[in-house]
């Protein structure tokens, strides 16, 4: 009896593993997506050959094709697409295979998915598009492919209103910045944008990106939606060379962040300049203060 039960248990386990005897109410067949997630390409080929549903998804919405894009496995992606995989199937966050390929900056995978009809404007729940991801990861050829495929160069995220250009500037992808600008990217702040392209350059001290923006018509005194001016912002985040650059480009030295001017920002916290001020002026009145911005930068 004991031996019989052990044999029966082993048989049941075998049936579960192989999927034999599955019933209509047994739930989706996840063997293929699981195999792809585990990079078991031999099993993937076998299961595709057996006709397993190539669009079965895990609880988070991830399909085998999304995992193939994740691992940048072009051969597996090709097999899945030929077998009828939905090229735009997204997970619960709205991430598509194309978005994942852009995360990997994979020119080959992006090209194959676009050829299969992938939507270059399929956005995630937060509004992030494949072009924004590609702009951040920085493969200019991937960006070119997306633009050629119809990607909206000025699509913006849902809450922060950021565009592909902002992402490229923030990541200091100068070649991509030029490419996006050449394809009509808006260099000015969007109405609800808390972080304009020029502000993104200020944050990282990206002078070359800023130069491209200004040459394309960005205004050196453009402020973010909350009124923040790029000059004091650059000073606050410690990018003094960038602040000098902005001044050379005609930035307003009275630009402010919530009432704090560039000069106040340059002066910094009291502890950074009070002793110097006293040494220079013998403890005199504030009207004698002569600490210039150039001395602080």
Protein backbone atom coordinates (compact mmCIF):
# COMPACT_ATOMS: atom_id res chain seq x y z
CA UNK A 1 0.00 0.00 0.00
CA UNK A 2 2.75 2.41 0.99
CA UNK A 3 4.73 1.65 -2.19
CA UNK A 4 1.57 2.08 -4.28
CA UNK A 5 0.91 5.56 -2.81
CA UNK A 6 4.49 6.62 -3.46
CA UNK A 7 4.17 5.52 -7.09
CA UNK A 8 0.85 7.38 -7.43
CA UNK A 9 2.35 10.55 -5.97
CA UNK A 10 5.26 10.31 -8.38
CA UNK A 11 2.87 9.86 -11.30
CA UNK A 12 0.85 12.91 -10.23
CA UNK A 13 3.99 14.99 -10.00
CA UNK A 14 5.01 13.86 -13.48
CA UNK A 15 1.63 14.85 -14.86
CA UNK A 16 1.88 18.30 -13.31
CA UNK A 17 5.39 18.91 -14.62
CA UNK A 18 4.63 17.75 -18.15
CA UNK A 19 1.20 19.33 -18.29
CA UNK A 20 -0.38 16.04 -19.33
CA UNK A 21 -3.97 15.69 -18.31
CA UNK A 22 -4.62 19.42 -17.98
CA UNK A 23 -8.31 20.30 -17.86
CA UNK A 24 -10.15 23.35 -19.10
CA UNK A 25 -10.49 24.68 -15.55
CA UNK A 26 -6.86 24.18 -14.61
CA UNK A 27 -5.86 27.77 -15.38
CA UNK A 28 -3.45 29.07 -18.00
CA UNK A 29 -0.59 26.91 -19.17
CA UNK A 30 2.46 28.79 -17.92
CA UNK A 31 5.11 26.31 -18.98
CA UNK A 32 6.25 28.45 -21.90
CA UNK A 33 6.50 31.76 -20.07
CA UNK A 34 8.19 30.02 -17.15
CA UNK A 35 10.70 28.38 -19.47
CA UNK A 36 11.49 31.70 -21.11
CA UNK A 37 11.83 33.43 -17.74
CA UNK A 38 14.30 30.75 -16.73
CA UNK A 39 16.17 31.07 -20.08
CA UNK A 40 15.48 27.43 -20.92
CA UNK A 41 15.57 27.94 -24.67
CA UNK A 42 15.52 24.25 -25.50
CA UNK A 43 12.25 23.81 -23.62
CA UNK A 44 10.89 26.97 -25.23
CA UNK A 45 11.50 25.48 -28.68
CA UNK A 46 9.89 22.23 -27.64
CA UNK A 47 6.79 23.86 -26.20
CA UNK A 48 6.32 26.09 -29.23
CA UNK A 49 6.56 23.00 -31.39
CA UNK A 50 3.88 21.35 -29.27
CA UNK A 51 1.55 24.26 -29.89
CA UNK A 52 1.46 25.63 -26.37
CA UNK A 53 -0.32 29.00 -26.10
CA UNK A 54 2.40 31.58 -26.76
CA UNK A 55 0.36 34.39 -25.21
CA UNK A 56 -0.22 32.83 -21.80
CA UNK A 57 0.77 35.33 -19.13
CA UNK A 58 1.82 35.16 -15.52
CA UNK A 59 -0.20 36.90 -12.81
CA UNK A 60 1.74 40.13 -13.45
CA UNK A 61 0.84 40.04 -17.14
CA UNK A 62 4.32 39.07 -18.36
CA UNK A 63 4.36 36.84 -21.44
CA UNK A 64 7.08 34.70 -22.94
CA UNK A 65 7.79 37.41 -25.52
CA UNK A 66 8.28 40.01 -22.79
CA UNK A 67 10.78 37.69 -21.14
CA UNK A 68 12.52 37.07 -24.46
CA UNK A 69 12.92 40.84 -24.84
CA UNK A 70 14.13 41.06 -21.24
CA UNK A 71 16.90 38.56 -21.93
CA UNK A 72 17.53 40.08 -25.37
CA UNK A 73 17.02 36.66 -26.92
CA UNK A 74 16.23 37.56 -30.52
CA UNK A 75 16.05 33.95 -31.70
CA UNK A 76 13.42 33.09 -29.10
CA UNK A 77 11.51 36.27 -29.91
CA UNK A 78 11.51 35.33 -33.59
CA UNK A 79 10.11 31.87 -32.81
CA UNK A 80 7.43 33.31 -30.55
CA UNK A 81 6.37 35.91 -33.10
CA UNK A 82 6.16 33.33 -35.86
CA UNK A 83 3.98 31.25 -33.57
CA UNK A 84 1.56 34.15 -33.08
CA UNK A 85 2.83 35.99 -30.01
CA UNK A 86 1.15 39.36 -29.42
CA UNK A 87 3.93 41.85 -30.08
CA UNK A 88 2.32 44.52 -27.88
CA UNK A 89 1.24 42.35 -24.94
CA UNK A 90 2.09 44.34 -21.82
CA UNK A 91 2.48 43.50 -18.16
CA UNK A 92 0.45 45.12 -15.39
CA UNK A 93 2.65 48.23 -15.49
CA UNK A 94 2.15 48.65 -19.22
CA UNK A 95 5.65 47.46 -20.10
CA UNK A 96 5.73 45.97 -23.61
CA UNK A 97 8.44 43.86 -25.23
CA UNK A 98 9.51 46.96 -27.17
CA UNK A 99 9.87 48.96 -23.97
CA UNK A 100 12.01 46.19 -22.47
CA UNK A 101 14.16 46.06 -25.61
CA UNK A 102 14.70 49.82 -25.33
CA UNK A 103 15.70 49.37 -21.69
CA UNK A 104 18.41 47.02 -22.97
CA UNK A 105 19.31 49.47 -25.76
CA UNK A 106 19.09 46.47 -28.08
CA UNK A 107 19.10 47.68 -31.67
CA UNK A 108 18.47 44.20 -33.08
CA UNK A 109 15.54 43.38 -30.80
CA UNK A 110 13.96 46.80 -31.29
CA UNK A 111 14.24 46.43 -35.06
CA UNK A 112 12.67 42.98 -35.04
CA UNK A 113 9.76 44.05 -32.85
CA UNK A 114 9.09 47.13 -34.96
CA UNK A 115 9.17 44.99 -38.09
CA UNK A 116 6.55 42.77 -36.42
CA UNK A 117 4.29 45.79 -35.91
CA UNK A 118 5.13 46.87 -32.36
CA UNK A 119 3.54 50.18 -31.38
CA UNK A 120 6.36 52.71 -30.74
CA UNK A 121 3.93 54.88 -28.76
CA UNK A 122 2.60 52.20 -26.40
CA UNK A 123 3.00 53.92 -23.03
CA UNK A 124 3.33 52.47 -19.57
CA UNK A 125 0.84 53.34 -16.85
CA UNK A 126 2.95 56.37 -15.91
CA UNK A 127 3.09 57.56 -19.51
CA UNK A 128 6.65 56.42 -20.13
CA UNK A 129 7.11 55.55 -23.81
CA UNK A 130 9.73 53.37 -25.51
CA UNK A 131 11.30 56.54 -26.94
CA UNK A 132 11.79 58.00 -23.47
CA UNK A 133 13.45 54.80 -22.31
CA UNK A 134 15.67 54.71 -25.39
CA UNK A 135 16.60 58.36 -24.88
CA UNK A 136 17.77 57.51 -21.36
CA UNK A 137 19.69 54.36 -22.26
CA UNK A 138 21.33 56.23 -25.10
CA UNK A 139 21.57 54.05 -28.22
CA UNK A 140 21.10 56.62 -30.98
CA UNK A 141 20.31 53.93 -33.54
CA UNK A 142 17.46 52.66 -31.39
CA UNK A 143 16.14 56.21 -31.13
CA UNK A 144 16.38 56.60 -34.90
CA UNK A 145 14.47 53.36 -35.45
CA UNK A 146 11.68 54.45 -33.11
CA UNK A 147 11.39 57.86 -34.75
CA UNK A 148 11.33 56.25 -38.20
CA UNK A 149 8.60 53.94 -36.93
CA UNK A 150 6.40 56.86 -35.90
CA UNK A 151 7.32 57.50 -32.26
CA UNK A 152 5.88 60.77 -30.93
CA UNK A 153 8.94 62.85 -30.08
CA UNK A 154 6.96 65.11 -27.73
CA UNK A 155 4.91 62.53 -25.84
CA UNK A 156 4.97 63.30 -22.12
CA UNK A 157 4.66 61.34 -18.87
CA UNK A 158 1.38 61.50 -16.97
CA UNK A 159 2.31 63.31 -13.76
CA UNK A 160 5.57 65.15 -14.42
CA UNK A 161 5.04 65.99 -18.10
CA UNK A 162 8.59 64.86 -18.97
CA UNK A 163 9.52 64.10 -22.57
CA UNK A 164 12.15 61.99 -24.28
CA UNK A 165 14.30 65.11 -24.58
CA UNK A 166 14.27 65.64 -20.83
CA UNK A 167 15.32 62.04 -20.28
CA UNK A 168 18.15 62.31 -22.80
CA UNK A 169 19.43 65.54 -21.26
CA UNK A 170 19.21 64.13 -17.74
CA UNK A 171 21.28 61.11 -18.80
CA UNK A 172 23.76 63.36 -20.67
CA UNK A 173 23.16 61.59 -24.00
CA UNK A 174 24.30 64.50 -26.15
CA UNK A 175 24.03 62.65 -29.47
CA UNK A 176 20.46 61.66 -28.66
CA UNK A 177 19.67 65.21 -27.56
CA UNK A 178 20.77 66.50 -30.97
CA UNK A 179 18.82 63.76 -32.72
CA UNK A 180 15.59 64.53 -30.87
CA UNK A 181 15.97 68.26 -31.43
CA UNK A 182 16.52 67.63 -35.15
CA UNK A 183 13.23 65.68 -35.17
CA UNK A 184 11.23 68.50 -33.63
CA UNK A 185 11.53 67.92 -29.90
CA UNK A 186 10.17 70.85 -27.90
CA UNK A 187 13.10 72.54 -26.14
CA UNK A 188 10.84 74.75 -24.01
CA UNK A 189 9.20 73.72 -20.72
CA UNK A 190 5.82 72.03 -20.99
CA UNK A 191 3.04 73.83 -19.05
CA UNK A 192 3.01 71.30 -16.22
CA UNK A 193 6.66 70.34 -16.38
CA UNK A 194 8.46 70.62 -13.07
CA UNK A 195 11.79 69.82 -14.72
CA UNK A 196 12.44 71.46 -18.10
CA UNK A 197 15.16 70.20 -20.46
CA UNK A 198 17.43 73.08 -19.44
CA UNK A 199 16.80 72.34 -15.76
CA UNK A 200 17.73 68.71 -16.40
CA UNK A 201 21.00 69.91 -17.91
CA UNK A 202 21.60 72.15 -14.89
CA UNK A 203 21.10 69.25 -12.51
CA UNK A 204 23.92 67.24 -14.09
CA UNK A 205 26.09 70.11 -15.23
CA UNK A 206 25.51 69.07 -18.84
CA UNK A 207 26.94 72.07 -20.66
CA UNK A 208 27.08 70.37 -24.07
CA UNK A 209 23.44 69.31 -23.87
CA UNK A 210 22.50 72.83 -22.74
CA UNK A 211 24.41 74.28 -25.65
CA UNK A 212 22.37 72.14 -28.06
CA UNK A 213 19.14 73.26 -26.38
CA UNK A 214 20.03 76.94 -26.54
CA UNK A 215 21.12 76.69 -30.17
CA UNK A 216 17.74 75.11 -30.91
CA UNK A 217 15.88 78.05 -29.36
CA UNK A 218 15.61 77.26 -25.66
CA UNK A 219 15.56 80.41 -23.56
CA UNK A 220 18.26 80.72 -20.93
CA UNK A 221 15.75 82.27 -18.53
CA UNK A 222 12.99 79.70 -19.07
CA UNK A 223 11.65 78.61 -15.70
CA UNK A 224 9.96 75.42 -14.58
CA UNK A 225 6.21 75.33 -13.88
CA UNK A 226 6.85 76.34 -10.27
CA UNK A 227 8.94 79.34 -11.32
CA UNK A 228 12.32 77.82 -10.57
CA UNK A 229 15.08 79.52 -12.58
CA UNK A 230 17.94 77.36 -13.91
CA UNK A 231 20.72 79.67 -12.65
CA UNK A 232 20.09 79.47 -8.89
CA UNK A 233 19.15 75.83 -9.33
CA UNK A 234 22.55 75.08 -10.87
CA UNK A 235 24.21 76.84 -7.95
CA UNK A 236 22.16 74.99 -5.34
CA UNK A 237 23.06 71.59 -6.83
CA UNK A 238 26.75 72.51 -6.94
CA UNK A 239 27.23 72.89 -10.71
CA UNK A 240 29.27 76.09 -10.66
CA UNK A 241 30.74 75.63 -14.15
CA UNK A 242 27.21 75.30 -15.49
CA UNK A 243 26.17 78.45 -13.63
CA UNK A 244 29.09 80.32 -15.24
CA UNK A 245 27.96 78.99 -18.61
CA UNK A 246 24.41 80.25 -18.06
CA UNK A 247 25.71 83.70 -17.09
CA UNK A 248 27.81 83.78 -20.27
CA UNK A 249 24.65 82.94 -22.22
CA UNK A 250 22.82 85.90 -20.69
CA UNK A 251 21.04 84.32 -17.73
CA UNK A 252 19.30 86.78 -15.41
CA UNK A 253 21.50 87.05 -12.27
CA UNK A 254 18.34 87.85 -10.31
CA UNK A 255 16.70 84.54 -11.24
CA UNK A 256 15.21 82.86 -8.19
CA UNK A 257 13.96 79.66 -6.61
CA UNK A 258 10.88 80.42 -4.54
CA UNK A 259 12.21 83.88 -3.72
CA UNK A 260 15.81 82.77 -3.18
CA UNK A 261 17.94 84.58 -5.76
CA UNK A 262 21.04 83.28 -7.48
CA UNK A 263 23.17 85.45 -5.22
CA UNK A 264 21.52 84.04 -2.10
CA UNK A 265 22.12 80.55 -3.49
CA UNK A 266 25.75 81.41 -4.18
CA UNK A 267 26.18 82.66 -0.62
CA UNK A 268 24.98 79.30 0.60
CA UNK A 269 24.14 78.39 4.20
CA UNK A 270 25.23 80.96 6.75
CA UNK A 271 28.01 78.69 8.01
CA UNK A 272 29.71 78.72 4.61
CA UNK A 273 30.18 82.47 4.33
CA UNK A 274 29.59 84.25 7.68
CA UNK A 275 33.20 84.01 8.89
CA UNK A 276 34.53 85.26 5.56
CA UNK A 277 32.04 88.11 5.65
CA UNK A 278 33.21 89.09 9.17
CA UNK A 279 36.88 88.99 8.19
CA UNK A 280 36.27 91.23 5.22
CA UNK A 281 34.05 93.75 6.92
CA UNK A 282 35.05 93.64 10.57
CA UNK A 283 31.59 92.67 11.66
CA UNK A 284 30.15 95.70 9.85
CA UNK A 285 26.58 96.12 8.65
CA UNK A 286 24.98 94.09 5.94
CA UNK A 287 25.13 97.09 3.60
CA UNK A 288 28.91 96.57 3.40
CA UNK A 289 28.57 93.02 2.11
CA UNK A 290 30.70 92.62 -1.02
CA UNK A 291 30.84 88.86 -1.56
CA UNK A 292 30.28 88.60 -5.31
CA UNK A 293 28.75 85.72 -7.21
CA UNK A 294 31.98 85.07 -9.10
CA UNK A 295 33.81 84.71 -5.80
CA UNK A 296 31.30 82.13 -4.62
CA UNK A 297 31.16 80.13 -7.87
